[in-house]
Amino acid sequence: MSEMREMVSQDYRFRILRESQARADKMKLKIQDQFAHGGWEKAFNDFITDLVTFPCAFVKGPIVRRQRTLGWKTLPNGQTVVEPIEKLGPEYERVDPFRMYPEPGIEDFNEGYIFQHHPLTRMALAELIGVPGYDEDAIRKVLEIGNGQSWINEDVELIKDEEERKYYSYMRPTEVFDALEFWGKVSGKMLLEWGMTEEDIPDPAKEYDANVWVVGNYVIKAVLNYDPLGEKPYAKTSFIKCPGAFWGTGIVINNFFVGGGGMGGNVGGNDYRSGDNPYGSKVTNVSGTPTAADANTGAGGVGGSTSSGTGRSGGAGGSGVIFIQYLS
């Protein structure tokens, strides 16, 4: 009798284990599908590029957005045709470090508020109509008035566009709206004024974790933070972290002349230059003294001058040398 009971028990545990594994496999497939459709791979690749370039790298998600995809429709005659459909799904994106504005003095996202700047084209803003959480009337009013007051310095934006080789961006015919996304504590009274219900905001005197979007003088979105712990949908890190600070330190690769193509390498003391990064940190000089060999990596050209003032004719051809400088 005990042997029979043990066999039944083992069979029952095996069925539970098999069913659990099947559910886990289905969930794994669903997560992979959401990552593929939500742009996770591109967001992470861009995040890695920012990590080795800027003092901080940011990735955001998951954010529920409207997605267009292909579907199938059966006509009355029985013919099946392709039809575009829209659905809501999670998405992931890299966030430009120049568009993040954390509360002064904080070390982490969850210690205070944070703003993200969204340059939205007229079409992108119109696509927010009908998305849950957004105020359709406010969006239509903004579209009717046009791009009015902006909270962003246009001169800074033009300089940024020039550095990113987006030349003549000021001549762009497409209308762009500056939207500010806020994550942080907001009083219940203000949330009620922005359209939230008393069911969501039972006490106007309390502070609530909220997500608010502002375009000009119009609040186009005001919702509570959907995370039960009030955490923000951002992740950040730095190549070199600075304890106690929000911003860390990145690295810069300076391509000092490294020879090739018939010219000798000219790697001398004058080639080690200092400069400013976008955040005001100085680029320090490369430590160490270059050697004559370093100065002659190029192919059959003029000899390079080293820090000690010596030099010689260019040696055999080579791929060159890239010196990496760290930001301080």
C-alpha atoms as a PDB file:
ATOM      1  CA  MET A   1       0.000   0.000   0.000  1.00  0.00           C
ATOM      2  CA  SER A   2       2.829   2.400   0.863  1.00  0.00           C
ATOM      3  CA  GLU A   3       4.563   1.595  -2.433  1.00  0.00           C
ATOM      4  CA  MET A   4       1.371   2.391  -4.346  1.00  0.00           C
ATOM      5  CA  ARG A   5       1.023   5.695  -2.486  1.00  0.00           C
ATOM      6  CA  GLU A   6       4.616   6.595  -3.289  1.00  0.00           C
ATOM      7  CA  MET A   7       4.115   5.830  -7.001  1.00  0.00           C
ATOM      8  CA  VAL A   8       0.992   7.989  -7.145  1.00  0.00           C
ATOM      9  CA  SER A   9       2.796  10.786  -5.328  1.00  0.00           C
ATOM     10  CA  GLN A  10       5.769  10.663  -7.698  1.00  0.00           C
ATOM     11  CA  ASP A  11       3.511  10.626 -10.728  1.00  0.00           C
ATOM     12  CA  TYR A  12       1.617  13.649  -9.378  1.00  0.00           C
ATOM     13  CA  ARG A  13       4.863  15.569  -8.719  1.00  0.00           C
ATOM     14  CA  PHE A  14       6.114  14.701 -12.194  1.00  0.00           C
ATOM     15  CA  ARG A  15       2.948  16.047 -13.829  1.00  0.00           C
ATOM     16  CA  ILE A  16       3.188  19.273 -11.811  1.00  0.00           C
ATOM     17  CA  LEU A  17       6.859  19.667 -12.731  1.00  0.00           C
ATOM     18  CA  ARG A  18       6.156  19.041 -16.427  1.00  0.00           C
ATOM     19  CA  GLU A  19       3.288  21.545 -16.459  1.00  0.00           C
ATOM     20  CA  SER A  20       5.408  24.149 -14.644  1.00  0.00           C
ATOM     21  CA  GLN A  21       8.232  23.699 -17.141  1.00  0.00           C
ATOM     22  CA  ALA A  22       5.802  24.078 -20.060  1.00  0.00           C
ATOM     23  CA  ARG A  23       4.462  27.326 -18.588  1.00  0.00           C
ATOM     24  CA  ALA A  24       7.970  28.623 -17.971  1.00  0.00           C
ATOM     25  CA  ASP A  25       8.940  27.868 -21.589  1.00  0.00           C
ATOM     26  CA  LYS A  26       5.876  29.730 -22.847  1.00  0.00           C
ATOM     27  CA  MET A  27       6.686  32.729 -20.651  1.00  0.00           C
ATOM     28  CA  LYS A  28      10.284  32.697 -21.869  1.00  0.00           C
ATOM     29  CA  LEU A  29       9.062  32.748 -25.471  1.00  0.00           C
ATOM     30  CA  LYS A  30       6.680  35.613 -24.680  1.00  0.00           C
ATOM     31  CA  ILE A  31       9.443  37.668 -23.040  1.00  0.00           C
ATOM     32  CA  GLN A  32      11.739  37.079 -26.022  1.00  0.00           C
ATOM     33  CA  ASP A  33       8.944  38.144 -28.366  1.00  0.00           C
ATOM     34  CA  GLN A  34       8.326  41.316 -26.336  1.00  0.00           C
ATOM     35  CA  PHE A  35      12.036  42.127 -26.384  1.00  0.00           C
ATOM     36  CA  ALA A  36      12.153  41.650 -30.169  1.00  0.00           C
ATOM     37  CA  HIS A  37       9.102  43.811 -30.865  1.00  0.00           C
ATOM     38  CA  GLY A  38       9.959  46.334 -28.135  1.00  0.00           C
ATOM     39  CA  GLY A  39      13.400  47.238 -29.501  1.00  0.00           C
ATOM     40  CA  TRP A  40      15.454  45.862 -26.612  1.00  0.00           C
ATOM     41  CA  GLU A  41      18.465  44.844 -28.742  1.00  0.00           C
ATOM     42  CA  LYS A  42      18.869  48.278 -30.355  1.00  0.00           C
ATOM     43  CA  ALA A  43      18.300  50.045 -27.027  1.00  0.00           C
ATOM     44  CA  PHE A  44      20.975  47.953 -25.316  1.00  0.00           C
ATOM     45  CA  ASN A  45      23.503  48.419 -28.151  1.00  0.00           C
ATOM     46  CA  ASP A  46      23.018  52.200 -28.009  1.00  0.00           C
ATOM     47  CA  PHE A  47      23.283  52.024 -24.220  1.00  0.00           C
ATOM     48  CA  ILE A  48      26.719  50.365 -24.495  1.00  0.00           C
ATOM     49  CA  THR A  49      27.886  53.102 -26.878  1.00  0.00           C
ATOM     50  CA  ASP A  50      26.804  55.784 -24.402  1.00  0.00           C
ATOM     51  CA  LEU A  51      28.478  53.907 -21.561  1.00  0.00           C
ATOM     52  CA  VAL A  52      31.951  54.294 -23.092  1.00  0.00           C
ATOM     53  CA  THR A  53      31.294  57.828 -24.336  1.00  0.00           C
ATOM     54  CA  PHE A  54      29.417  59.835 -21.692  1.00  0.00           C
ATOM     55  CA  PRO A  55      29.577  60.112 -17.898  1.00  0.00           C
ATOM     56  CA  CYS A  56      26.293  58.170 -17.701  1.00  0.00           C
ATOM     57  CA  ALA A  57      24.289  55.799 -19.882  1.00  0.00           C
ATOM     58  CA  PHE A  58      20.517  55.374 -19.598  1.00  0.00           C
ATOM     59  CA  VAL A  59      17.993  52.805 -20.766  1.00  0.00           C
ATOM     60  CA  LYS A  60      14.246  53.130 -20.271  1.00  0.00           C
ATOM     61  CA  GLY A  61      11.526  50.502 -20.175  1.00  0.00           C
ATOM     62  CA  PRO A  62       9.240  48.817 -20.323  1.00  0.00           C
ATOM     63  CA  ILE A  63       6.965  51.607 -21.602  1.00  0.00           C
ATOM     64  CA  VAL A  64       3.539  50.680 -22.910  1.00  0.00           C
ATOM     65  CA  ARG A  65       3.036  52.204 -26.360  1.00  0.00           C
ATOM     66  CA  ARG A  66       0.895  51.727 -29.413  1.00  0.00           C
ATOM     67  CA  GLN A  67       2.521  49.374 -31.935  1.00  0.00           C
ATOM     68  CA  ARG A  68       1.585  48.826 -35.569  1.00  0.00           C
ATOM     69  CA  THR A  69       1.841  45.314 -36.920  1.00  0.00           C
ATOM     70  CA  LEU A  70       0.397  43.140 -39.673  1.00  0.00           C
ATOM     71  CA  GLY A  71      -2.781  41.174 -39.093  1.00  0.00           C
ATOM     72  CA  TRP A  72      -5.162  39.070 -41.149  1.00  0.00           C
ATOM     73  CA  LYS A  73      -8.718  39.814 -42.115  1.00  0.00           C
ATOM     74  CA  THR A  74     -11.240  37.463 -43.722  1.00  0.00           C
ATOM     75  CA  LEU A  75     -13.488  39.083 -46.324  1.00  0.00           C
ATOM     76  CA  PRO A  76     -17.168  38.076 -46.804  1.00  0.00           C
ATOM     77  CA  ASN A  77     -16.163  36.031 -49.863  1.00  0.00           C
ATOM     78  CA  GLY A  78     -13.801  33.970 -47.718  1.00  0.00           C
ATOM     79  CA  GLN A  79     -10.608  35.577 -48.996  1.00  0.00           C
ATOM     80  CA  THR A  80      -7.929  36.340 -46.398  1.00  0.00           C
ATOM     81  CA  VAL A  81      -6.070  39.632 -46.795  1.00  0.00           C
ATOM     82  CA  VAL A  82      -3.352  41.461 -44.882  1.00  0.00           C
ATOM     83  CA  GLU A  83      -4.524  44.362 -42.721  1.00  0.00           C
ATOM     84  CA  PRO A  84      -2.420  46.613 -40.461  1.00  0.00           C
ATOM     85  CA  ILE A  85      -3.548  46.531 -36.843  1.00  0.00           C
ATOM     86  CA  GLU A  86      -2.564  48.482 -33.738  1.00  0.00           C
ATOM     87  CA  LYS A  87      -1.970  47.061 -30.298  1.00  0.00           C
ATOM     88  CA  LEU A  88      -0.416  48.165 -27.030  1.00  0.00           C
ATOM     89  CA  GLY A  89       2.890  46.588 -26.101  1.00  0.00           C
ATOM     90  CA  PRO A  90       6.028  47.181 -23.995  1.00  0.00           C
ATOM     91  CA  GLU A  91       8.942  49.009 -25.575  1.00  0.00           C
ATOM     92  CA  TYR A  92      12.526  49.818 -24.557  1.00  0.00           C
ATOM     93  CA  GLU A  93      14.724  52.724 -25.576  1.00  0.00           C
ATOM     94  CA  ARG A  94      18.064  54.328 -24.997  1.00  0.00           C
ATOM     95  CA  VAL A  95      17.778  57.778 -23.451  1.00  0.00           C
ATOM     96  CA  ASP A  96      20.062  60.582 -24.596  1.00  0.00           C
ATOM     97  CA  PRO A  97      22.103  61.692 -21.524  1.00  0.00           C
ATOM     98  CA  PHE A  98      21.754  65.307 -22.695  1.00  0.00           C
ATOM     99  CA  ARG A  99      17.976  65.023 -22.290  1.00  0.00           C
ATOM    100  CA  MET A 100      17.993  63.845 -18.673  1.00  0.00           C
ATOM    101  CA  TYR A 101      17.559  66.406 -15.876  1.00  0.00           C
ATOM    102  CA  PRO A 102      17.785  64.839 -12.395  1.00  0.00           C
ATOM    103  CA  GLU A 103      17.010  66.683  -9.186  1.00  0.00           C
ATOM    104  CA  PRO A 104      20.159  68.484  -7.968  1.00  0.00           C
ATOM    105  CA  GLY A 105      22.056  66.633  -5.267  1.00  0.00           C
ATOM    106  CA  ILE A 106      20.583  63.168  -5.709  1.00  0.00           C
ATOM    107  CA  GLU A 107      22.609  60.000  -6.221  1.00  0.00           C
ATOM    108  CA  ASP A 108      19.927  57.703  -7.597  1.00  0.00           C
ATOM    109  CA  PHE A 109      16.665  58.028  -9.526  1.00  0.00           C
ATOM    110  CA  ASN A 110      14.520  57.024  -6.578  1.00  0.00           C
ATOM    111  CA  GLU A 111      15.914  59.710  -4.252  1.00  0.00           C
ATOM    112  CA  GLY A 112      14.126  62.571  -6.014  1.00  0.00           C
ATOM    113  CA  TYR A 113      12.434  63.741  -9.166  1.00  0.00           C
ATOM    114  CA  ILE A 114      13.727  63.570 -12.729  1.00  0.00           C
ATOM    115  CA  PHE A 115      12.780  65.222 -16.025  1.00  0.00           C
ATOM    116  CA  GLN A 116      13.223  63.799 -19.514  1.00  0.00           C
ATOM    117  CA  HIS A 117      13.015  66.041 -22.561  1.00  0.00           C
ATOM    118  CA  HIS A 118      11.094  64.621 -25.553  1.00  0.00           C
ATOM    119  CA  PRO A 119      11.291  66.474 -28.885  1.00  0.00           C
ATOM    120  CA  LEU A 120       8.004  65.325 -30.472  1.00  0.00           C
ATOM    121  CA  THR A 121       7.074  65.911 -34.082  1.00  0.00           C
ATOM    122  CA  ARG A 122       3.499  66.878 -34.847  1.00  0.00           C
ATOM    123  CA  MET A 123       2.811  63.339 -36.069  1.00  0.00           C
ATOM    124  CA  ALA A 124       4.314  61.756 -32.918  1.00  0.00           C
ATOM    125  CA  LEU A 125       2.218  64.015 -30.706  1.00  0.00           C
ATOM    126  CA  ALA A 126      -0.950  63.234 -32.670  1.00  0.00           C
ATOM    127  CA  GLU A 127      -0.307  59.499 -32.265  1.00  0.00           C
ATOM    128  CA  LEU A 128      -0.715  59.907 -28.500  1.00  0.00           C
ATOM    129  CA  ILE A 129      -4.419  60.613 -29.027  1.00  0.00           C
ATOM    130  CA  GLY A 130      -6.324  57.593 -27.794  1.00  0.00           C
ATOM    131  CA  VAL A 131      -3.423  56.115 -25.827  1.00  0.00           C
ATOM    132  CA  PRO A 132      -4.543  55.316 -22.256  1.00  0.00           C
ATOM    133  CA  GLY A 133      -3.465  57.942 -19.729  1.00  0.00           C
ATOM    134  CA  TYR A 134      -3.128  60.853 -22.151  1.00  0.00           C
ATOM    135  CA  ASP A 135      -5.535  63.802 -22.168  1.00  0.00           C
ATOM    136  CA  GLU A 136      -6.994  63.846 -25.668  1.00  0.00           C
ATOM    137  CA  ASP A 137      -8.496  67.331 -25.296  1.00  0.00           C
ATOM    138  CA  ALA A 138      -5.185  68.813 -24.138  1.00  0.00           C
ATOM    139  CA  ILE A 139      -3.288  67.200 -27.024  1.00  0.00           C
ATOM    140  CA  ARG A 140      -5.795  68.515 -29.570  1.00  0.00           C
ATOM    141  CA  LYS A 141      -5.493  71.981 -28.034  1.00  0.00           C
ATOM    142  CA  VAL A 142      -1.693  71.902 -28.322  1.00  0.00           C
ATOM    143  CA  LEU A 143      -1.940  70.766 -31.956  1.00  0.00           C
ATOM    144  CA  GLU A 144      -4.407  73.560 -32.671  1.00  0.00           C
ATOM    145  CA  ILE A 145      -2.276  76.288 -31.100  1.00  0.00           C
ATOM    146  CA  GLY A 146       1.012  75.025 -32.483  1.00  0.00           C
ATOM    147  CA  ASN A 147       4.460  74.988 -30.938  1.00  0.00           C
ATOM    148  CA  GLY A 148       4.313  77.848 -28.463  1.00  0.00           C
ATOM    149  CA  GLN A 149       6.222  78.157 -25.213  1.00  0.00           C
ATOM    150  CA  SER A 150       9.227  75.885 -24.815  1.00  0.00           C
ATOM    151  CA  TRP A 151      11.088  75.071 -21.610  1.00  0.00           C
ATOM    152  CA  ILE A 152      14.261  74.188 -23.543  1.00  0.00           C
ATOM    153  CA  ASN A 153      17.024  76.610 -24.564  1.00  0.00           C
ATOM    154  CA  GLU A 154      17.045  76.649 -28.359  1.00  0.00           C
ATOM    155  CA  ASP A 155      20.678  77.765 -28.562  1.00  0.00           C
ATOM    156  CA  VAL A 156      21.792  74.715 -26.597  1.00  0.00           C
ATOM    157  CA  GLU A 157      19.758  72.467 -28.908  1.00  0.00           C
ATOM    158  CA  LEU A 158      21.358  74.002 -32.002  1.00  0.00           C
ATOM    159  CA  ILE A 159      24.852  73.470 -30.575  1.00  0.00           C
ATOM    160  CA  LYS A 160      23.969  69.865 -29.769  1.00  0.00           C
ATOM    161  CA  ASP A 161      22.676  69.296 -33.308  1.00  0.00           C
ATOM    162  CA  GLU A 162      25.875  70.709 -34.783  1.00  0.00           C
ATOM    163  CA  GLU A 163      28.010  68.410 -32.613  1.00  0.00           C
ATOM    164  CA  GLU A 164      25.897  65.449 -33.765  1.00  0.00           C
ATOM    165  CA  ARG A 165      26.325  66.565 -37.401  1.00  0.00           C
ATOM    166  CA  LYS A 166      22.654  67.370 -37.802  1.00  0.00           C
ATOM    167  CA  TYR A 167      23.429  70.405 -39.877  1.00  0.00           C
ATOM    168  CA  TYR A 168      20.819  73.064 -40.710  1.00  0.00           C
ATOM    169  CA  SER A 169      18.365  71.606 -38.212  1.00  0.00           C
ATOM    170  CA  TYR A 170      16.973  75.111 -37.716  1.00  0.00           C
ATOM    171  CA  MET A 171      15.680  74.919 -41.304  1.00  0.00           C
ATOM    172  CA  ARG A 172      13.736  71.733 -40.658  1.00  0.00           C
ATOM    173  CA  PRO A 173      10.158  72.235 -41.914  1.00  0.00           C
ATOM    174  CA  THR A 174       8.674  69.673 -39.522  1.00  0.00           C
ATOM    175  CA  GLU A 175       7.086  71.232 -36.459  1.00  0.00           C
ATOM    176  CA  VAL A 176       8.655  69.919 -33.247  1.00  0.00           C
ATOM    177  CA  PHE A 177       7.082  70.214 -29.791  1.00  0.00           C
ATOM    178  CA  ASP A 178       9.183  70.184 -26.624  1.00  0.00           C
ATOM    179  CA  ALA A 179       7.560  67.817 -24.129  1.00  0.00           C
ATOM    180  CA  LEU A 180       8.849  67.360 -20.587  1.00  0.00           C
ATOM    181  CA  GLU A 181       8.216  64.046 -18.824  1.00  0.00           C
ATOM    182  CA  PHE A 182       8.284  64.236 -15.040  1.00  0.00           C
ATOM    183  CA  TRP A 183       8.690  61.346 -12.577  1.00  0.00           C
ATOM    184  CA  GLY A 184       8.435  62.121  -8.873  1.00  0.00           C
ATOM    185  CA  LYS A 185       6.219  63.214  -6.010  1.00  0.00           C
ATOM    186  CA  VAL A 186       3.216  65.423  -6.786  1.00  0.00           C
ATOM    187  CA  SER A 187       0.583  66.734  -4.403  1.00  0.00           C
ATOM    188  CA  GLY A 188      -2.867  65.185  -4.643  1.00  0.00           C
ATOM    189  CA  LYS A 189      -4.416  68.636  -5.104  1.00  0.00           C
ATOM    190  CA  MET A 190      -2.452  69.253  -8.293  1.00  0.00           C
ATOM    191  CA  LEU A 191      -3.243  65.798  -9.652  1.00  0.00           C
ATOM    192  CA  LEU A 192      -6.955  66.420  -9.104  1.00  0.00           C
ATOM    193  CA  GLU A 193      -6.645  69.717 -10.962  1.00  0.00           C
ATOM    194  CA  TRP A 194      -4.988  67.879 -13.841  1.00  0.00           C
ATOM    195  CA  GLY A 195      -7.933  65.535 -14.307  1.00  0.00           C
ATOM    196  CA  MET A 196      -7.387  62.585 -11.974  1.00  0.00           C
ATOM    197  CA  THR A 197     -10.383  61.253 -10.033  1.00  0.00           C
ATOM    198  CA  GLU A 198     -11.007  61.231  -6.306  1.00  0.00           C
ATOM    199  CA  GLU A 199     -11.003  57.450  -6.469  1.00  0.00           C
ATOM    200  CA  ASP A 200      -7.334  57.554  -7.480  1.00  0.00           C
ATOM    201  CA  ILE A 201      -6.506  60.498  -5.189  1.00  0.00           C
ATOM    202  CA  PRO A 202      -8.416  60.018  -1.911  1.00  0.00           C
ATOM    203  CA  ASP A 203      -6.402  62.620   0.035  1.00  0.00           C
ATOM    204  CA  PRO A 204      -5.501  65.913  -1.725  1.00  0.00           C
ATOM    205  CA  ALA A 205      -2.962  66.766   0.999  1.00  0.00           C
ATOM    206  CA  LYS A 206      -0.783  63.698   0.378  1.00  0.00           C
ATOM    207  CA  GLU A 207       2.130  63.387  -2.035  1.00  0.00           C
ATOM    208  CA  TYR A 208       1.822  60.703  -4.707  1.00  0.00           C
ATOM    209  CA  ASP A 209       4.367  59.105  -7.039  1.00  0.00           C
ATOM    210  CA  ALA A 210       3.241  60.299 -10.438  1.00  0.00           C
ATOM    211  CA  ASN A 211       4.188  60.558 -14.097  1.00  0.00           C
ATOM    212  CA  VAL A 212       3.318  63.895 -15.710  1.00  0.00           C
ATOM    213  CA  TRP A 213       3.845  65.134 -19.281  1.00  0.00           C
ATOM    214  CA  VAL A 214       3.852  68.854 -20.063  1.00  0.00           C
ATOM    215  CA  VAL A 215       3.886  70.548 -23.479  1.00  0.00           C
ATOM    216  CA  GLY A 216       4.077  74.308 -23.145  1.00  0.00           C
ATOM    217  CA  ASN A 217       1.419  75.274 -20.597  1.00  0.00           C
ATOM    218  CA  TYR A 218      -0.679  72.134 -21.093  1.00  0.00           C
ATOM    219  CA  VAL A 219      -0.543  68.917 -19.068  1.00  0.00           C
ATOM    220  CA  ILE A 220      -1.179  66.165 -21.608  1.00  0.00           C
ATOM    221  CA  LYS A 221      -0.732  63.285 -19.160  1.00  0.00           C
ATOM    222  CA  ALA A 222      -1.040  62.868 -15.397  1.00  0.00           C
ATOM    223  CA  VAL A 223      -1.123  59.336 -13.983  1.00  0.00           C
ATOM    224  CA  LEU A 224       0.123  57.575 -10.886  1.00  0.00           C
ATOM    225  CA  ASN A 225       3.350  55.624 -11.086  1.00  0.00           C
ATOM    226  CA  TYR A 226       2.281  52.077 -11.920  1.00  0.00           C
ATOM    227  CA  ASP A 227       5.210  50.559 -10.012  1.00  0.00           C
ATOM    228  CA  PRO A 228       4.039  49.381  -6.546  1.00  0.00           C
ATOM    229  CA  LEU A 229       7.334  50.570  -4.999  1.00  0.00           C
ATOM    230  CA  GLY A 230       7.256  53.909  -6.809  1.00  0.00           C
ATOM    231  CA  GLU A 231      10.422  53.159  -8.781  1.00  0.00           C
ATOM    232  CA  LYS A 232      11.016  54.921 -12.085  1.00  0.00           C
ATOM    233  CA  PRO A 233      11.331  52.979 -15.381  1.00  0.00           C
ATOM    234  CA  TYR A 234      14.974  53.941 -15.891  1.00  0.00           C
ATOM    235  CA  ALA A 235      18.297  52.209 -15.398  1.00  0.00           C
ATOM    236  CA  LYS A 236      21.667  53.916 -15.458  1.00  0.00           C
ATOM    237  CA  THR A 237      25.318  53.195 -14.922  1.00  0.00           C
ATOM    238  CA  SER A 238      28.739  54.687 -15.636  1.00  0.00           C
ATOM    239  CA  PHE A 239      31.968  53.245 -16.963  1.00  0.00           C
ATOM    240  CA  ILE A 240      33.690  54.613 -13.861  1.00  0.00           C
ATOM    241  CA  LYS A 241      31.243  55.248 -11.019  1.00  0.00           C
ATOM    242  CA  CYS A 242      31.679  58.110  -8.592  1.00  0.00           C
ATOM    243  CA  PRO A 243      30.386  57.168  -5.107  1.00  0.00           C
ATOM    244  CA  GLY A 244      27.796  59.598  -3.842  1.00  0.00           C
ATOM    245  CA  ALA A 245      27.281  61.256  -7.238  1.00  0.00           C
ATOM    246  CA  PHE A 246      24.624  60.835  -9.901  1.00  0.00           C
ATOM    247  CA  TRP A 247      27.021  61.273 -12.811  1.00  0.00           C
ATOM    248  CA  GLY A 248      30.054  59.051 -13.168  1.00  0.00           C
ATOM    249  CA  THR A 249      32.954  59.149 -15.603  1.00  0.00           C
ATOM    250  CA  GLY A 250      33.221  57.908 -19.162  1.00  0.00           C
ATOM    251  CA  ILE A 251      36.129  57.316 -21.519  1.00  0.00           C
ATOM    252  CA  VAL A 252      37.111  59.122 -24.684  1.00  0.00           C
ATOM    253  CA  ILE A 253      39.108  57.631 -27.524  1.00  0.00           C
ATOM    254  CA  ASN A 254      41.281  60.269 -29.156  1.00  0.00           C
ATOM    255  CA  ASN A 255      42.620  59.285 -32.547  1.00  0.00           C
ATOM    256  CA  PHE A 256      46.014  60.975 -32.420  1.00  0.00           C
ATOM    257  CA  PHE A 257      47.780  60.565 -35.723  1.00  0.00           C
ATOM    258  CA  VAL A 258      48.854  56.957 -35.982  1.00  0.00           C
ATOM    259  CA  GLY A 259      50.478  56.657 -39.381  1.00  0.00           C
ATOM    260  CA  GLY A 260      49.513  54.666 -42.447  1.00  0.00           C
ATOM    261  CA  GLY A 261      49.126  55.641 -46.104  1.00  0.00           C
ATOM    262  CA  GLY A 262      52.706  56.775 -46.705  1.00  0.00           C
ATOM    263  CA  MET A 263      53.060  59.241 -43.829  1.00  0.00           C
ATOM    264  CA  GLY A 264      55.139  58.652 -40.753  1.00  0.00           C
ATOM    265  CA  GLY A 265      53.666  58.738 -37.287  1.00  0.00           C
ATOM    266  CA  ASN A 266      53.981  62.089 -35.593  1.00  0.00           C
ATOM    267  CA  VAL A 267      53.244  61.272 -31.999  1.00  0.00           C
ATOM    268  CA  GLY A 268      54.892  63.927 -29.936  1.00  0.00           C
ATOM    269  CA  GLY A 269      54.261  65.908 -26.821  1.00  0.00           C
ATOM    270  CA  ASN A 270      52.196  68.430 -28.770  1.00  0.00           C
ATOM    271  CA  ASP A 271      49.785  65.708 -29.858  1.00  0.00           C
ATOM    272  CA  TYR A 272      48.633  65.088 -26.300  1.00  0.00           C
ATOM    273  CA  ARG A 273      45.991  67.719 -26.007  1.00  0.00           C
ATOM    274  CA  SER A 274      43.531  68.542 -23.262  1.00  0.00           C
ATOM    275  CA  GLY A 275      39.928  69.542 -23.884  1.00  0.00           C
ATOM    276  CA  ASP A 276      36.459  69.766 -22.428  1.00  0.00           C
ATOM    277  CA  ASN A 277      33.815  67.099 -22.582  1.00  0.00           C
ATOM    278  CA  PRO A 278      30.124  68.068 -22.848  1.00  0.00           C
ATOM    279  CA  TYR A 279      29.756  67.911 -19.076  1.00  0.00           C
ATOM    280  CA  GLY A 280      32.679  70.173 -18.282  1.00  0.00           C
ATOM    281  CA  SER A 281      35.180  67.465 -17.213  1.00  0.00           C
ATOM    282  CA  LYS A 282      38.721  67.907 -18.385  1.00  0.00           C
ATOM    283  CA  VAL A 283      40.484  65.373 -20.571  1.00  0.00           C
ATOM    284  CA  THR A 284      43.724  64.545 -18.830  1.00  0.00           C
ATOM    285  CA  ASN A 285      47.010  63.980 -20.604  1.00  0.00           C
ATOM    286  CA  VAL A 286      47.927  60.426 -21.399  1.00  0.00           C
ATOM    287  CA  SER A 287      50.264  59.050 -18.781  1.00  0.00           C
ATOM    288  CA  GLY A 288      53.626  57.750 -19.859  1.00  0.00           C
ATOM    289  CA  THR A 289      56.159  58.906 -22.435  1.00  0.00           C
ATOM    290  CA  PRO A 290      55.806  57.824 -26.061  1.00  0.00           C
ATOM    291  CA  THR A 291      58.774  56.029 -27.546  1.00  0.00           C
ATOM    292  CA  ALA A 292      60.530  56.399 -30.868  1.00  0.00           C
ATOM    293  CA  ALA A 293      58.855  53.184 -31.977  1.00  0.00           C
ATOM    294  CA  ASP A 294      55.484  54.748 -31.277  1.00  0.00           C
ATOM    295  CA  ALA A 295      56.488  57.703 -33.419  1.00  0.00           C
ATOM    296  CA  ASN A 296      57.325  55.522 -36.390  1.00  0.00           C
ATOM    297  CA  THR A 297      54.327  53.268 -36.718  1.00  0.00           C
ATOM    298  CA  GLY A 298      53.423  54.856 -40.066  1.00  0.00           C
ATOM    299  CA  ALA A 299      54.585  53.665 -43.461  1.00  0.00           C
ATOM    300  CA  GLY A 300      57.563  55.271 -45.226  1.00  0.00           C
ATOM    301  CA  GLY A 301      56.931  58.876 -44.256  1.00  0.00           C
ATOM    302  CA  VAL A 302      58.427  61.677 -42.235  1.00  0.00           C
ATOM    303  CA  GLY A 303      59.814  60.691 -38.863  1.00  0.00           C
ATOM    304  CA  GLY A 304      57.817  61.576 -35.787  1.00  0.00           C
ATOM    305  CA  SER A 305      58.933  63.621 -32.820  1.00  0.00           C
ATOM    306  CA  THR A 306      58.723  62.063 -29.404  1.00  0.00           C
ATOM    307  CA  SER A 307      58.324  63.889 -26.115  1.00  0.00           C
ATOM    308  CA  SER A 308      62.093  63.936 -25.663  1.00  0.00           C
ATOM    309  CA  GLY A 309      62.518  65.700 -28.993  1.00  0.00           C
ATOM    310  CA  THR A 310      64.089  62.785 -30.841  1.00  0.00           C
ATOM    311  CA  GLY A 311      62.763  61.301 -34.057  1.00  0.00           C
ATOM    312  CA  ARG A 312      63.637  59.209 -37.040  1.00  0.00           C
ATOM    313  CA  SER A 313      62.262  58.333 -40.443  1.00  0.00           C
ATOM    314  CA  GLY A 314      59.030  56.420 -40.699  1.00  0.00           C
ATOM    315  CA  GLY A 315      59.294  52.681 -40.516  1.00  0.00           C
ATOM    316  CA  ALA A 316      57.405  49.936 -42.229  1.00  0.00           C
ATOM    317  CA  GLY A 317      53.690  50.240 -42.742  1.00  0.00           C
ATOM    318  CA  GLY A 318      51.399  49.472 -39.847  1.00  0.00           C
ATOM    319  CA  SER A 319      47.832  49.795 -38.667  1.00  0.00           C
ATOM    320  CA  GLY A 320      48.713  52.632 -36.320  1.00  0.00           C
ATOM    321  CA  VAL A 321      48.261  53.351 -32.666  1.00  0.00           C
ATOM    322  CA  ILE A 322      45.169  54.664 -30.871  1.00  0.00           C
ATOM    323  CA  PHE A 323      45.717  56.272 -27.501  1.00  0.00           C
ATOM    324  CA  ILE A 324      42.867  56.042 -25.004  1.00  0.00           C
ATOM    325  CA  GLN A 325      42.404  58.926 -22.595  1.00  0.00           C
ATOM    326  CA  TYR A 326      40.280  58.799 -19.482  1.00  0.00           C
ATOM    327  CA  LEU A 327      38.106  61.642 -18.333  1.00  0.00           C
ATOM    328  CA  SER A 328      38.658  63.033 -14.856  1.00  0.00           C
END
